[in-house]
Protein backbone atom coordinates (compact mmCIF):
# COMPACT_ATOMS: atom_id res chain seq x y z
CA MET A 1 159.09 -78.84 -19.81
CA LYS A 2 159.83 -78.55 -23.53
CA GLY A 3 163.21 -78.20 -25.46
CA ARG A 4 166.51 -79.08 -24.47
CA VAL A 5 169.73 -76.59 -24.22
CA LEU A 6 172.99 -77.36 -24.00
CA ILE A 7 174.82 -74.51 -22.28
CA VAL A 8 178.72 -74.25 -22.74
CA ALA A 9 180.01 -71.46 -20.74
CA GLY A 10 181.90 -70.39 -17.50
CA SER A 11 180.65 -70.33 -13.86
CA ASP A 12 179.86 -67.43 -11.70
CA PRO A 13 179.76 -68.32 -7.87
CA GLY A 14 177.57 -65.28 -7.38
CA GLY A 15 174.96 -66.85 -9.30
CA GLY A 16 174.25 -63.76 -11.42
CA ALA A 17 175.88 -64.49 -14.90
CA GLY A 18 177.46 -67.47 -16.56
CA ILE A 19 176.41 -70.92 -16.35
CA GLN A 20 174.33 -70.17 -13.12
CA ALA A 21 172.29 -67.20 -15.07
CA ASP A 22 171.96 -69.46 -18.26
CA LEU A 23 170.54 -72.43 -16.24
CA LYS A 24 168.13 -69.99 -14.46
CA ALA A 25 166.79 -68.58 -17.48
CA VAL A 26 166.43 -71.66 -19.50
CA THR A 27 164.47 -73.42 -16.41
CA ALA A 28 162.32 -70.23 -16.11
CA LEU A 29 161.18 -70.34 -19.66
CA ASP A 30 160.48 -73.94 -19.17
CA ALA A 31 163.06 -75.60 -21.19
CA TYR A 32 165.52 -78.08 -19.81
CA GLY A 33 169.19 -77.12 -19.26
CA ALA A 34 172.38 -79.15 -19.52
CA THR A 35 175.93 -77.16 -18.89
CA VAL A 36 179.29 -77.75 -20.15
CA ILE A 37 181.76 -75.51 -17.81
CA THR A 38 184.75 -74.03 -19.82
CA ALA A 39 186.03 -71.93 -16.88
CA LEU A 40 185.71 -71.72 -13.22
CA THR A 41 185.71 -67.80 -12.21
CA ALA A 42 186.20 -66.27 -8.99
CA GLN A 43 183.71 -63.22 -9.14
CA ASN A 44 180.95 -61.30 -7.29
CA THR A 45 179.12 -58.45 -8.22
CA ARG A 46 182.11 -56.18 -8.13
CA GLY A 47 184.20 -57.95 -10.59
CA VAL A 48 186.18 -60.98 -11.67
CA PHE A 49 188.98 -61.66 -9.38
CA GLY A 50 190.50 -65.20 -10.68
CA VAL A 51 189.92 -67.61 -13.78
CA HIS A 52 190.66 -71.36 -13.41
CA ALA A 53 190.44 -73.39 -16.54
CA PRO A 54 189.96 -77.05 -17.02
CA PRO A 55 191.84 -79.03 -19.67
CA VAL A 56 190.36 -78.67 -22.95
CA ALA A 57 190.05 -82.64 -23.31
CA PHE A 58 187.63 -82.34 -20.18
CA VAL A 59 185.53 -79.71 -22.02
CA ALA A 60 185.10 -81.91 -24.94
CA GLN A 61 184.42 -84.90 -22.81
CA GLN A 62 181.66 -82.82 -20.92
CA MET A 63 180.02 -82.18 -24.46
CA GLU A 64 180.54 -85.42 -25.87
CA LEU A 65 179.11 -87.48 -22.78
CA VAL A 66 175.68 -85.13 -22.85
CA LEU A 67 175.49 -84.85 -26.38
CA GLU A 68 175.18 -88.63 -26.90
CA ASP A 69 172.97 -89.26 -23.72
CA ILE A 70 170.58 -86.49 -23.37
CA GLY A 71 170.93 -84.45 -26.49
CA ALA A 72 170.12 -80.93 -27.41
CA ASP A 73 167.31 -79.10 -29.15
CA ALA A 74 169.58 -75.80 -29.09
CA ILE A 75 173.20 -75.10 -27.89
CA LYS A 76 174.22 -71.68 -26.47
CA THR A 77 178.03 -70.70 -26.08
CA GLY A 78 179.11 -68.20 -23.66
CA MET A 79 182.62 -67.93 -22.22
CA LEU A 80 185.03 -69.54 -24.17
CA HIS A 81 188.34 -67.80 -23.01
CA ALA A 82 191.03 -69.37 -25.35
CA ALA A 83 191.67 -70.31 -28.87
CA ASP A 84 191.90 -74.20 -27.99
CA VAL A 85 188.70 -73.93 -26.22
CA ILE A 86 186.97 -72.48 -29.33
CA GLU A 87 188.49 -75.00 -31.32
CA VAL A 88 187.53 -77.98 -29.38
CA VAL A 89 183.98 -76.81 -28.89
CA SER A 90 183.94 -76.34 -32.72
CA ARG A 91 185.19 -79.79 -33.61
CA THR A 92 182.73 -81.40 -31.03
CA LEU A 93 179.75 -79.74 -32.68
CA ASP A 94 180.96 -80.74 -36.13
CA ARG A 95 181.08 -84.39 -34.89
CA MET A 96 178.15 -84.41 -32.64
CA ALA A 97 175.57 -81.69 -33.30
CA PRO A 98 176.02 -80.39 -36.73
CA GLY A 99 172.45 -79.37 -37.56
CA VAL A 100 171.45 -78.16 -33.90
CA PRO A 101 170.64 -74.34 -33.77
CA LEU A 102 173.46 -72.17 -32.02
CA VAL A 103 173.39 -69.38 -30.25
CA VAL A 104 176.86 -67.45 -29.87
CA ASP A 105 177.29 -64.78 -27.15
CA PRO A 106 180.92 -63.81 -27.85
CA VAL A 107 181.57 -63.09 -24.44
CA MET A 108 184.88 -60.91 -24.07
CA VAL A 109 184.79 -58.44 -21.27
CA ALA A 110 182.83 -58.69 -17.78
CA LYS A 111 180.62 -56.15 -16.80
CA GLY A 112 183.36 -54.78 -14.26
CA GLY A 113 186.13 -54.70 -17.25
CA ALA A 114 187.98 -57.93 -16.58
CA ARG A 115 188.91 -59.31 -20.27
CA LEU A 116 187.55 -63.06 -20.48
CA LEU A 117 188.42 -63.86 -24.13
CA GLN A 118 192.27 -63.86 -24.88
CA PRO A 119 193.21 -61.61 -27.61
CA GLU A 120 194.58 -64.33 -29.59
CA ALA A 121 191.03 -66.25 -29.49
CA GLU A 122 189.38 -63.70 -31.35
CA GLY A 123 190.54 -65.01 -34.63
CA ALA A 124 189.40 -68.59 -33.68
CA MET A 125 185.85 -67.02 -32.41
CA ARG A 126 185.47 -65.18 -35.92
CA THR A 127 186.48 -67.99 -38.01
CA LEU A 128 185.40 -71.29 -36.21
CA LEU A 129 182.12 -70.12 -34.39
CA LEU A 130 180.54 -67.13 -36.36
CA PRO A 131 180.19 -69.23 -39.71
CA ARG A 132 178.09 -71.94 -37.64
CA ALA A 133 175.98 -69.71 -35.59
CA THR A 134 172.17 -69.71 -35.90
CA ILE A 135 172.17 -66.07 -34.24
CA LEU A 136 175.16 -64.12 -32.78
CA THR A 137 174.23 -61.86 -30.06
CA PRO A 138 177.14 -59.37 -29.13
CA ASN A 139 176.88 -56.06 -27.26
CA LEU A 140 178.54 -52.80 -28.69
CA PRO A 141 181.76 -53.16 -27.39
CA GLU A 142 181.92 -56.74 -28.67
CA ALA A 143 180.92 -55.94 -31.90
CA GLU A 144 183.45 -53.30 -32.20
CA ALA A 145 186.08 -55.66 -31.24
CA LEU A 146 184.73 -58.20 -33.82
CA LEU A 147 184.93 -55.72 -36.78
CA GLY A 148 187.71 -53.72 -35.58
CA GLU A 149 185.85 -50.02 -35.57
CA ARG A 150 183.67 -47.94 -33.83
CA ILE A 151 180.00 -48.05 -33.73
CA GLU A 152 178.09 -45.04 -33.41
CA GLY A 153 174.21 -44.26 -33.46
CA VAL A 154 171.51 -46.55 -34.78
CA ASP A 155 172.57 -46.13 -38.36
CA GLY A 156 175.87 -47.41 -37.35
CA MET A 157 174.32 -50.24 -35.62
CA ARG A 158 172.49 -51.40 -38.66
CA ARG A 159 175.73 -51.16 -40.55
CA ALA A 160 177.55 -53.14 -38.21
CA ALA A 161 174.91 -56.04 -37.87
CA ARG A 162 175.09 -56.35 -41.80
CA ALA A 163 178.73 -56.54 -41.56
CA LEU A 164 178.69 -58.82 -38.75
CA GLN A 165 176.18 -61.05 -40.58
CA ALA A 166 178.46 -61.22 -43.55
CA MET A 167 181.03 -62.85 -41.25
CA GLY A 168 178.94 -66.08 -41.46
CA PRO A 169 176.19 -65.93 -38.95
CA ALA A 170 172.61 -66.62 -40.08
CA ALA A 171 171.05 -63.91 -37.63
CA VAL A 172 172.59 -61.25 -35.58
CA LEU A 173 171.02 -59.48 -32.60
CA LEU A 174 173.45 -56.43 -31.90
CA LYS A 175 172.36 -54.92 -28.45
CA GLY A 176 172.64 -51.15 -27.74
CA GLY A 177 172.61 -51.19 -23.68
CA HIS A 178 176.27 -49.81 -23.89
CA ALA A 179 175.06 -46.77 -25.92
CA GLU A 180 174.11 -43.45 -24.01
CA GLY A 181 170.43 -41.91 -23.84
CA PRO A 182 167.18 -42.66 -22.65
CA VAL A 183 166.45 -45.34 -25.01
CA VAL A 184 167.92 -48.69 -25.61
CA THR A 185 167.95 -49.88 -29.08
CA ASP A 186 168.76 -53.43 -30.39
CA VAL A 187 169.16 -54.46 -34.03
CA LEU A 188 168.03 -57.89 -35.22
CA ARG A 189 169.26 -59.05 -38.84
CA THR A 190 168.10 -62.42 -40.07
CA ALA A 191 168.12 -63.42 -43.68
CA GLU A 192 164.77 -62.24 -44.16
CA SER A 193 164.59 -58.91 -42.60
CA GLU A 194 165.88 -56.27 -40.16
CA THR A 195 163.76 -55.43 -37.08
CA ILE A 196 164.64 -52.48 -34.54
CA PHE A 197 163.57 -52.97 -30.98
CA GLU A 198 163.29 -49.74 -28.80
CA ASP A 199 162.50 -49.75 -25.02
CA PRO A 200 162.97 -46.99 -22.61
CA ARG A 201 166.19 -47.22 -20.39
CA ILE A 202 165.83 -48.72 -17.02
CA GLU A 203 167.83 -46.99 -14.62
CA THR A 204 169.50 -49.74 -12.50
CA ARG A 205 172.70 -51.20 -11.20
CA ALA A 206 171.19 -54.70 -11.83
CA THR A 207 172.54 -55.35 -14.91
CA HIS A 208 174.88 -58.23 -14.00
CA GLY A 209 174.33 -61.32 -16.55
CA THR A 210 172.15 -59.61 -18.89
CA GLY A 211 173.68 -60.88 -21.96
CA CYS A 212 174.20 -64.21 -20.59
CA THR A 213 170.44 -64.32 -19.71
CA LEU A 214 169.26 -63.01 -22.85
CA ALA A 215 171.28 -65.47 -25.14
CA SER A 216 170.04 -68.29 -22.86
CA ALA A 217 166.50 -67.24 -23.34
CA ILE A 218 166.90 -67.12 -27.21
CA ALA A 219 168.30 -70.71 -26.94
CA ALA A 220 165.27 -71.93 -25.03
CA GLY A 221 162.82 -70.45 -27.69
CA LEU A 222 164.96 -72.00 -30.60
CA ALA A 223 164.82 -75.35 -28.63
CA GLN A 224 160.93 -75.21 -28.40
CA GLY A 225 160.65 -74.20 -31.89
CA LEU A 226 160.19 -70.59 -32.10
CA ALA A 227 161.62 -68.76 -35.03
CA VAL A 228 164.70 -66.66 -34.53
CA GLY A 229 162.47 -63.26 -34.32
CA ALA A 230 159.94 -64.90 -31.98
CA ALA A 231 162.62 -66.33 -29.54
CA VAL A 232 164.38 -62.81 -29.55
CA ALA A 233 161.22 -60.89 -29.06
CA ARG A 234 160.36 -63.26 -26.04
CA GLY A 235 163.77 -63.26 -24.74
CA ARG A 236 163.74 -59.46 -24.57
CA ARG A 237 160.49 -59.53 -22.81
CA TYR A 238 161.69 -62.06 -19.97
CA LEU A 239 164.94 -60.08 -19.49
CA ARG A 240 163.43 -56.53 -19.31
CA GLU A 241 161.09 -58.21 -16.53
CA ALA A 242 163.84 -59.86 -14.77
CA ILE A 243 166.05 -56.35 -14.59
CA LEU A 244 162.58 -54.46 -13.29
CA THR A 245 162.05 -56.96 -10.59
CA ALA A 246 165.94 -57.48 -9.52
CA PRO A 247 166.34 -58.62 -5.86
CA GLY A 248 168.90 -55.59 -5.08
CA LEU A 249 171.50 -57.93 -4.10
CA GLY A 250 175.62 -57.22 -4.04
CA HIS A 251 177.43 -53.97 -4.12
CA GLY A 252 178.32 -53.56 -7.80
CA HIS A 253 176.62 -54.64 -11.04
CA GLY A 254 173.69 -56.56 -9.19
CA PRO A 255 171.95 -59.89 -10.35
CA LEU A 256 168.52 -60.13 -11.99
CA ASN A 257 165.29 -61.66 -10.78
CA HIS A 258 165.60 -64.80 -13.22
CA ALA A 259 162.45 -66.38 -11.35
CA HIS A 260 160.01 -63.91 -12.16
CA THR A 261 158.09 -66.33 -14.27
CA VAL A 262 157.78 -68.89 -11.57
CA ARG A 263 154.74 -69.26 -9.67
CA ARG A 264 155.33 -69.15 -5.70
CA PHE A 265 154.65 -72.00 -3.53
CA ASP A 266 153.43 -71.70 -0.09
């Protein structure tokens, strides 16, 4: 097992998204996952029905204790629902992990439509987390919310990725799964280059936790010493197979097969 990933995100009791999906992805890619839980959610594949937030001081305490003892080679943030949570996470990163690669998944809306980031927290996301990110991984609705404009077509995605990168992150992976059409296009911008990824769309309802899973897979790659482009390419391959081999659970947006890399034991 190589690479330590600290995941700062919310919990999903159904196991398809959030902390649970993050841990599965990191472990499946042979890295070590530690977690800081920012929120407890009551949800399943049909949607989010409740959110309970621990005190922000407790979020900071979780981070501090893990970082001073176990440490981290990469950090991934997911659901940071409120401005004070973003602020305490940012301060703790400043004090205890200033040089650690950071993957920011700007979780704003759940797959079923429930809002997971308070509107007043969007400013804190832009000013405190985006400028420190090694890579930002928004989907199209999240990118539109961050930029305050519609994004249409691949050319629009390329312009949006540049605009997001200008907000501070070293790299941006703009994910196009919410767009229409038979091909899914993602745009990766780094300091050195732009890469367009294209794959045939998989017609499936097994899409719960795809954003969490991909961001954590990228964080595992960074923790293991991969460059951003290589971490993204491997993470996308891992995610695609997890979708293709999904177990078919639940009655809504179903979970993925995070364990497809794991050898079976009889």
